[in-house]
PDB file of all heavy atoms in Angstrom:
ATOM      1  N   PRO A   1      11.500  11.779 -28.952  1.00  0.00           N
ATOM      2  CA  PRO A   1      12.028  10.366 -29.165  1.00  0.00           C
ATOM      3  C   PRO A   1      10.833   9.393 -29.121  1.00  0.00           C
ATOM      4  O   PRO A   1      10.886   8.459 -29.897  1.00  0.00           O
ATOM      5  CB  PRO A   1      12.958  10.272 -28.010  1.00  0.00           C
ATOM      6  CG  PRO A   1      13.431  11.599 -27.666  1.00  0.00           C
ATOM      7  CD  PRO A   1      12.217  12.505 -27.903  1.00  0.00           C
ATOM      8  N   LEU A   2       9.829   9.511 -28.306  1.00  0.00           N
ATOM      9  CA  LEU A   2       8.727   8.671 -28.176  1.00  0.00           C
ATOM     10  C   LEU A   2       7.931   8.736 -29.518  1.00  0.00           C
ATOM     11  O   LEU A   2       7.551   7.685 -30.081  1.00  0.00           O
ATOM     12  CB  LEU A   2       7.853   8.889 -27.027  1.00  0.00           C
ATOM     13  CG  LEU A   2       6.620   8.102 -26.937  1.00  0.00           C
ATOM     14  CD1 LEU A   2       6.936   6.566 -26.818  1.00  0.00           C
ATOM     15  CD2 LEU A   2       5.709   8.558 -25.730  1.00  0.00           C
ATOM     16  N   ALA A   3       7.729   9.882 -30.054  1.00  0.00           N
ATOM     17  CA  ALA A   3       6.959  10.032 -31.272  1.00  0.00           C
ATOM     18  C   ALA A   3       7.768   9.383 -32.454  1.00  0.00           C
ATOM     19  O   ALA A   3       7.002   8.799 -33.278  1.00  0.00           O
ATOM     20  CB  ALA A   3       6.667  11.560 -31.592  1.00  0.00           C
ATOM     21  N   LEU A   4       9.021   9.548 -32.479  1.00  0.00           N
ATOM     22  CA  LEU A   4       9.753   8.904 -33.617  1.00  0.00           C
ATOM     23  C   LEU A   4       9.968   7.444 -33.496  1.00  0.00           C
ATOM     24  O   LEU A   4       9.895   6.642 -34.458  1.00  0.00           O
ATOM     25  CB  LEU A   4      11.135   9.653 -33.709  1.00  0.00           C
ATOM     26  CG  LEU A   4      11.054  11.073 -34.003  1.00  0.00           C
ATOM     27  CD1 LEU A   4      12.474  11.640 -34.197  1.00  0.00           C
ATOM     28  CD2 LEU A   4      10.228  11.388 -35.242  1.00  0.00           C
ATOM     29  N   LYS A   5      10.143   6.949 -32.275  1.00  0.00           N
ATOM     30  CA  LYS A   5      10.416   5.568 -32.029  1.00  0.00           C
ATOM     31  C   LYS A   5       9.046   4.774 -31.970  1.00  0.00           C
ATOM     32  O   LYS A   5       8.951   3.635 -32.413  1.00  0.00           O
ATOM     33  CB  LYS A   5      11.136   5.283 -30.785  1.00  0.00           C
ATOM     34  CG  LYS A   5      11.471   3.907 -30.461  1.00  0.00           C
ATOM     35  CD  LYS A   5      12.346   3.741 -29.214  1.00  0.00           C
ATOM     36  CE  LYS A   5      12.808   2.313 -28.965  1.00  0.00           C
ATOM     37  NZ  LYS A   5      13.619   2.151 -27.754  1.00  0.00           N
ATOM     38  N   GLY A   6       7.979   5.433 -31.433  1.00  0.00           N
ATOM     39  CA  GLY A   6       6.708   4.719 -31.289  1.00  0.00           C
ATOM     40  C   GLY A   6       6.556   3.971 -30.007  1.00  0.00           C
ATOM     41  O   GLY A   6       7.497   3.513 -29.426  1.00  0.00           O
ATOM     42  N   THR A   7       5.306   3.795 -29.664  1.00  0.00           N
ATOM     43  CA  THR A   7       4.968   2.981 -28.400  1.00  0.00           C
ATOM     44  C   THR A   7       5.204   1.515 -28.729  1.00  0.00           C
ATOM     45  O   THR A   7       4.787   1.000 -29.772  1.00  0.00           O
ATOM     46  CB  THR A   7       3.545   3.238 -28.011  1.00  0.00           C
ATOM     47  OG1 THR A   7       3.354   4.643 -27.801  1.00  0.00           O
ATOM     48  CG2 THR A   7       3.202   2.478 -26.741  1.00  0.00           C
ATOM     49  N   LYS A   8       5.840   0.825 -27.791  1.00  0.00           N
ATOM     50  CA  LYS A   8       6.049  -0.662 -28.043  1.00  0.00           C
ATOM     51  C   LYS A   8       4.739  -1.330 -28.045  1.00  0.00           C
ATOM     52  O   LYS A   8       3.998  -1.199 -27.137  1.00  0.00           O
ATOM     53  CB  LYS A   8       7.003  -1.220 -26.908  1.00  0.00           C
ATOM     54  CG  LYS A   8       7.244  -2.673 -27.080  1.00  0.00           C
ATOM     55  CD  LYS A   8       8.178  -3.117 -26.020  1.00  0.00           C
ATOM     56  CE  LYS A   8       8.546  -4.615 -26.185  1.00  0.00           C
ATOM     57  NZ  LYS A   8       9.426  -5.144 -25.170  1.00  0.00           N
ATOM     58  N   PHE A   9       4.533  -2.111 -29.038  1.00  0.00           N
ATOM     59  CA  PHE A   9       3.284  -2.888 -29.161  1.00  0.00           C
ATOM     60  C   PHE A   9       3.241  -4.115 -28.209  1.00  0.00           C
ATOM     61  O   PHE A   9       4.247  -4.846 -28.116  1.00  0.00           O
ATOM     62  CB  PHE A   9       3.059  -3.427 -30.539  1.00  0.00           C
ATOM     63  CG  PHE A   9       1.892  -4.366 -30.715  1.00  0.00           C
ATOM     64  CD1 PHE A   9       0.640  -3.896 -30.620  1.00  0.00           C
ATOM     65  CD2 PHE A   9       2.103  -5.749 -30.832  1.00  0.00           C
ATOM     66  CE1 PHE A   9      -0.452  -4.728 -30.702  1.00  0.00           C
ATOM     67  CE2 PHE A   9       1.025  -6.627 -30.955  1.00  0.00           C
ATOM     68  CZ  PHE A   9      -0.278  -6.056 -30.874  1.00  0.00           C
ATOM     69  N   ARG A  10       2.139  -4.198 -27.466  1.00  0.00           N
ATOM     70  CA  ARG A  10       1.962  -5.301 -26.534  1.00  0.00           C
ATOM     71  C   ARG A  10       0.732  -6.102 -26.992  1.00  0.00           C
ATOM     72  O   ARG A  10      -0.321  -5.552 -27.004  1.00  0.00           O
ATOM     73  CB  ARG A  10       1.746  -4.882 -25.152  1.00  0.00           C
ATOM     74  CG  ARG A  10       2.945  -3.974 -24.577  1.00  0.00           C
ATOM     75  CD  ARG A  10       2.560  -3.385 -23.249  1.00  0.00           C
ATOM     76  NE  ARG A  10       3.694  -2.563 -22.760  1.00  0.00           N
ATOM     77  CZ  ARG A  10       4.667  -3.009 -21.966  1.00  0.00           C
ATOM     78  NH1 ARG A  10       4.655  -4.341 -21.650  1.00  0.00           N
ATOM     79  NH2 ARG A  10       5.629  -2.239 -21.556  1.00  0.00           N
ATOM     80  N   PRO A  11       0.933  -7.462 -27.297  1.00  0.00           N
ATOM     81  CA  PRO A  11      -0.211  -8.306 -27.713  1.00  0.00           C
ATOM     82  C   PRO A  11      -1.120  -8.567 -26.582  1.00  0.00           C
ATOM     83  O   PRO A  11      -1.152  -9.721 -26.100  1.00  0.00           O
ATOM     84  CB  PRO A  11       0.484  -9.534 -28.302  1.00  0.00           C
ATOM     85  CG  PRO A  11       1.786  -9.607 -27.649  1.00  0.00           C
ATOM     86  CD  PRO A  11       2.179  -8.213 -27.327  1.00  0.00           C
ATOM     87  N   LEU A  12      -1.850  -7.630 -26.003  1.00  0.00           N
ATOM     88  CA  LEU A  12      -2.768  -7.805 -24.896  1.00  0.00           C
ATOM     89  C   LEU A  12      -4.123  -7.531 -25.379  1.00  0.00           C
ATOM     90  O   LEU A  12      -4.443  -6.900 -26.355  1.00  0.00           O
ATOM     91  CB  LEU A  12      -2.372  -6.740 -23.786  1.00  0.00           C
ATOM     92  CG  LEU A  12      -1.025  -6.809 -23.153  1.00  0.00           C
ATOM     93  CD1 LEU A  12      -0.844  -5.692 -22.213  1.00  0.00           C
ATOM     94  CD2 LEU A  12      -0.842  -8.118 -22.391  1.00  0.00           C
ATOM     95  N   PRO A  13      -5.205  -8.187 -24.582  1.00  0.00           N
ATOM     96  CA  PRO A  13      -6.542  -7.844 -24.835  1.00  0.00           C
ATOM     97  C   PRO A  13      -6.876  -6.373 -24.765  1.00  0.00           C
ATOM     98  O   PRO A  13      -6.193  -5.657 -24.001  1.00  0.00           O
ATOM     99  CB  PRO A  13      -7.314  -8.619 -23.760  1.00  0.00           C
ATOM    100  CG  PRO A  13      -6.374  -9.747 -23.372  1.00  0.00           C
ATOM    101  CD  PRO A  13      -4.962  -9.099 -23.506  1.00  0.00           C
ATOM    102  N   ALA A  14      -7.891  -5.964 -25.519  1.00  0.00           N
ATOM    103  CA  ALA A  14      -8.115  -4.528 -25.587  1.00  0.00           C
ATOM    104  C   ALA A  14      -8.353  -3.786 -24.216  1.00  0.00           C
ATOM    105  O   ALA A  14      -7.752  -2.707 -23.973  1.00  0.00           O
ATOM    106  CB  ALA A  14      -9.347  -4.262 -26.512  1.00  0.00           C
ATOM    107  N   GLU A  15      -9.109  -4.479 -23.348  1.00  0.00           N
ATOM    108  CA  GLU A  15      -9.350  -3.877 -22.069  1.00  0.00           C
ATOM    109  C   GLU A  15      -8.120  -3.717 -21.192  1.00  0.00           C
ATOM    110  O   GLU A  15      -7.865  -2.749 -20.557  1.00  0.00           O
ATOM    111  CB  GLU A  15     -10.438  -4.660 -21.292  1.00  0.00           C
ATOM    112  CG  GLU A  15     -10.160  -6.062 -20.980  1.00  0.00           C
ATOM    113  CD  GLU A  15     -10.363  -7.073 -22.072  1.00  0.00           C
ATOM    114  OE1 GLU A  15     -10.648  -6.605 -23.165  1.00  0.00           O
ATOM    115  OE2 GLU A  15     -10.330  -8.288 -21.819  1.00  0.00           O
ATOM    116  N   LYS A  16      -7.234  -4.715 -21.272  1.00  0.00           N
ATOM    117  CA  LYS A  16      -6.060  -4.694 -20.506  1.00  0.00           C
ATOM    118  C   LYS A  16      -5.115  -3.660 -21.027  1.00  0.00           C
ATOM    119  O   LYS A  16      -4.330  -2.906 -20.269  1.00  0.00           O
ATOM    120  CB  LYS A  16      -5.294  -6.081 -20.484  1.00  0.00           C
ATOM    121  CG  LYS A  16      -6.032  -7.095 -19.646  1.00  0.00           C
ATOM    122  CD  LYS A  16      -5.211  -8.423 -19.510  1.00  0.00           C
ATOM    123  CE  LYS A  16      -5.994  -9.435 -18.654  1.00  0.00           C
ATOM    124  NZ  LYS A  16      -5.143 -10.705 -18.549  1.00  0.00           N
ATOM    125  N   LEU A  17      -5.080  -3.516 -22.362  1.00  0.00           N
ATOM    126  CA  LEU A  17      -4.210  -2.617 -23.038  1.00  0.00           C
ATOM    127  C   LEU A  17      -4.663  -1.180 -22.623  1.00  0.00           C
ATOM    128  O   LEU A  17      -3.855  -0.250 -22.392  1.00  0.00           O
ATOM    129  CB  LEU A  17      -4.268  -2.757 -24.498  1.00  0.00           C
ATOM    130  CG  LEU A  17      -3.193  -2.031 -25.385  1.00  0.00           C
ATOM    131  CD1 LEU A  17      -1.874  -2.529 -24.918  1.00  0.00           C
ATOM    132  CD2 LEU A  17      -3.431  -2.318 -26.864  1.00  0.00           C
ATOM    133  N   LEU A  18      -5.998  -0.952 -22.592  1.00  0.00           N
ATOM    134  CA  LEU A  18      -6.551   0.350 -22.257  1.00  0.00           C
ATOM    135  C   LEU A  18      -6.189   0.725 -20.822  1.00  0.00           C
ATOM    136  O   LEU A  18      -5.710   1.872 -20.470  1.00  0.00           O
ATOM    137  CB  LEU A  18      -8.106   0.335 -22.412  1.00  0.00           C
ATOM    138  CG  LEU A  18      -8.829   1.628 -21.980  1.00  0.00           C
ATOM    139  CD1 LEU A  18      -8.343   2.779 -22.859  1.00  0.00           C
ATOM    140  CD2 LEU A  18     -10.291   1.410 -22.077  1.00  0.00           C
ATOM    141  N   ILE A  19      -6.276  -0.250 -19.926  1.00  0.00           N
ATOM    142  CA  ILE A  19      -5.925  -0.028 -18.538  1.00  0.00           C
ATOM    143  C   ILE A  19      -4.474   0.373 -18.377  1.00  0.00           C
ATOM    144  O   ILE A  19      -4.087   1.269 -17.655  1.00  0.00           O
ATOM    145  CB  ILE A  19      -6.329  -1.136 -17.664  1.00  0.00           C
ATOM    146  CG1 ILE A  19      -7.831  -1.313 -17.600  1.00  0.00           C
ATOM    147  CG2 ILE A  19      -5.796  -1.014 -16.140  1.00  0.00           C
ATOM    148  CD1 ILE A  19      -8.319  -2.615 -16.908  1.00  0.00           C
ATOM    149  N   HIS A  20      -3.634  -0.475 -19.083  1.00  0.00           N
ATOM    150  CA  HIS A  20      -2.189  -0.213 -18.989  1.00  0.00           C
ATOM    151  C   HIS A  20      -1.794   1.216 -19.514  1.00  0.00           C
ATOM    152  O   HIS A  20      -1.004   1.855 -18.846  1.00  0.00           O
ATOM    153  CB  HIS A  20      -1.503  -1.275 -19.905  1.00  0.00           C
ATOM    154  CG  HIS A  20      -0.005  -1.089 -20.073  1.00  0.00           C
ATOM    155  ND1 HIS A  20       0.531  -0.285 -21.015  1.00  0.00           N
ATOM    156  CD2 HIS A  20       0.962  -1.562 -19.218  1.00  0.00           C
ATOM    157  CE1 HIS A  20       1.822  -0.328 -20.942  1.00  0.00           C
ATOM    158  NE2 HIS A  20       2.144  -1.050 -19.916  1.00  0.00           N
ATOM    159  N   ASN A  21      -2.418   1.627 -20.583  1.00  0.00           N
ATOM    160  CA  ASN A  21      -2.017   2.993 -21.146  1.00  0.00           C
ATOM    161  C   ASN A  21      -2.618   4.044 -20.302  1.00  0.00           C
ATOM    162  O   ASN A  21      -1.998   5.105 -20.203  1.00  0.00           O
ATOM    163  CB  ASN A  21      -2.634   3.006 -22.587  1.00  0.00           C
ATOM    164  CG  ASN A  21      -1.854   2.121 -23.564  1.00  0.00           C
ATOM    165  OD1 ASN A  21      -0.700   1.744 -23.213  1.00  0.00           O
ATOM    166  ND2 ASN A  21      -2.426   1.712 -24.656  1.00  0.00           N
ATOM    167  N   LEU A  22      -3.749   3.909 -19.742  1.00  0.00           N
ATOM    168  CA  LEU A  22      -4.357   4.814 -18.870  1.00  0.00           C
ATOM    169  C   LEU A  22      -3.511   5.143 -17.634  1.00  0.00           C
ATOM    170  O   LEU A  22      -3.279   6.276 -17.147  1.00  0.00           O
ATOM    171  CB  LEU A  22      -5.841   4.548 -18.438  1.00  0.00           C
ATOM    172  CG  LEU A  22      -6.799   4.734 -19.492  1.00  0.00           C
ATOM    173  CD1 LEU A  22      -8.171   4.285 -19.011  1.00  0.00           C
ATOM    174  CD2 LEU A  22      -6.981   6.220 -20.027  1.00  0.00           C
ATOM    175  N   LEU A  23      -2.968   3.971 -17.109  1.00  0.00           N
ATOM    176  CA  LEU A  23      -2.144   4.086 -15.936  1.00  0.00           C
ATOM    177  C   LEU A  23      -0.821   4.798 -16.183  1.00  0.00           C
ATOM    178  O   LEU A  23      -0.295   5.642 -15.384  1.00  0.00           O
ATOM    179  CB  LEU A  23      -1.872   2.688 -15.335  1.00  0.00           C
ATOM    180  CG  LEU A  23      -3.068   1.953 -14.668  1.00  0.00           C
ATOM    181  CD1 LEU A  23      -2.641   0.623 -14.272  1.00  0.00           C
ATOM    182  CD2 LEU A  23      -3.471   2.821 -13.403  1.00  0.00           C
ATOM    183  N   ILE A  24      -0.181   4.460 -17.400  1.00  0.00           N
ATOM    184  CA  ILE A  24       1.082   5.101 -17.736  1.00  0.00           C
ATOM    185  C   ILE A  24       0.983   6.520 -18.295  1.00  0.00           C
ATOM    186  O   ILE A  24       1.563   7.479 -17.767  1.00  0.00           O
ATOM    187  CB  ILE A  24       1.818   4.189 -18.709  1.00  0.00           C
ATOM    188  CG1 ILE A  24       2.238   2.825 -18.059  1.00  0.00           C
ATOM    189  CG2 ILE A  24       3.071   4.901 -19.250  1.00  0.00           C
ATOM    190  CD1 ILE A  24       2.933   1.950 -18.844  1.00  0.00           C
ATOM    191  N   TYR A  25       0.137   6.612 -19.347  1.00  0.00           N
ATOM    192  CA  TYR A  25       0.046   7.952 -19.991  1.00  0.00           C
ATOM    193  C   TYR A  25      -1.077   8.824 -19.460  1.00  0.00           C
ATOM    194  O   TYR A  25      -1.027  10.051 -19.675  1.00  0.00           O
ATOM    195  CB  TYR A  25      -0.185   7.690 -21.559  1.00  0.00           C
ATOM    196  CG  TYR A  25       1.014   6.962 -22.145  1.00  0.00           C
ATOM    197  CD1 TYR A  25       0.959   5.616 -22.317  1.00  0.00           C
ATOM    198  CD2 TYR A  25       2.151   7.756 -22.494  1.00  0.00           C
ATOM    199  CE1 TYR A  25       2.090   4.999 -22.900  1.00  0.00           C
ATOM    200  CE2 TYR A  25       3.194   7.071 -23.096  1.00  0.00           C
ATOM    201  CZ  TYR A  25       3.126   5.656 -23.271  1.00  0.00           C
ATOM    202  OH  TYR A  25       4.231   5.078 -23.830  1.00  0.00           O
ATOM    203  N   GLY A  26      -2.029   8.220 -18.832  1.00  0.00           N
ATOM    204  CA  GLY A  26      -3.020   9.002 -18.166  1.00  0.00           C
ATOM    205  C   GLY A  26      -2.617   9.499 -16.822  1.00  0.00           C
ATOM    206  O   GLY A  26      -2.480  10.776 -16.563  1.00  0.00           O
ATOM    207  N   VAL A  27      -2.470   8.603 -15.860  1.00  0.00           N
ATOM    208  CA  VAL A  27      -2.005   8.980 -14.539  1.00  0.00           C
ATOM    209  C   VAL A  27      -0.618   9.604 -14.546  1.00  0.00           C
ATOM    210  O   VAL A  27      -0.392  10.568 -13.979  1.00  0.00           O
ATOM    211  CB  VAL A  27      -2.056   7.743 -13.587  1.00  0.00           C
ATOM    212  CG1 VAL A  27      -1.543   8.143 -12.208  1.00  0.00           C
ATOM    213  CG2 VAL A  27      -3.451   7.231 -13.484  1.00  0.00           C
ATOM    214  N   GLY A  28       0.255   8.932 -15.366  1.00  0.00           N
ATOM    215  CA  GLY A  28       1.614   9.526 -15.460  1.00  0.00           C
ATOM    216  C   GLY A  28       1.545  10.876 -16.099  1.00  0.00           C
ATOM    217  O   GLY A  28       2.350  11.768 -15.676  1.00  0.00           O
ATOM    218  N   GLY A  29       0.742  11.106 -17.098  1.00  0.00           N
ATOM    219  CA  GLY A  29       0.672  12.387 -17.728  1.00  0.00           C
ATOM    220  C   GLY A  29       0.061  13.499 -16.846  1.00  0.00           C
ATOM    221  O   GLY A  29       0.317  14.625 -16.997  1.00  0.00           O
ATOM    222  N   MET A  30      -0.699  12.995 -15.811  1.00  0.00           N
ATOM    223  CA  MET A  30      -1.271  14.004 -14.881  1.00  0.00           C
ATOM    224  C   MET A  30      -0.198  14.341 -13.725  1.00  0.00           C
ATOM    225  O   MET A  30      -0.190  15.492 -13.338  1.00  0.00           O
ATOM    226  CB  MET A  30      -2.524  13.422 -14.221  1.00  0.00           C
ATOM    227  CG  MET A  30      -3.338  14.388 -13.391  1.00  0.00           C
ATOM    228  SD  MET A  30      -4.814  13.627 -12.667  1.00  0.00           S
ATOM    229  CE  MET A  30      -5.639  13.161 -14.156  1.00  0.00           C
ATOM    230  N   LEU A  31       0.557  13.341 -13.380  1.00  0.00           N
ATOM    231  CA  LEU A  31       1.431  13.589 -12.209  1.00  0.00           C
ATOM    232  C   LEU A  31       2.689  14.273 -12.739  1.00  0.00           C
ATOM    233  O   LEU A  31       3.256  15.167 -11.930  1.00  0.00           O
ATOM    234  CB  LEU A  31       1.838  12.302 -11.557  1.00  0.00           C
ATOM    235  CG  LEU A  31       0.670  11.488 -10.867  1.00  0.00           C
ATOM    236  CD1 LEU A  31       1.161  10.220 -10.304  1.00  0.00           C
ATOM    237  CD2 LEU A  31       0.056  12.336  -9.769  1.00  0.00           C
TER     238      LEU A  31
END
């Protein structure tokens, strides 16, 4: 469902977007 729907775009600066995604998909993907 995520692959078909796509990640919701957030108009954030690149560094904040990177941190946000690492916390969700990085840390979340590890736990």
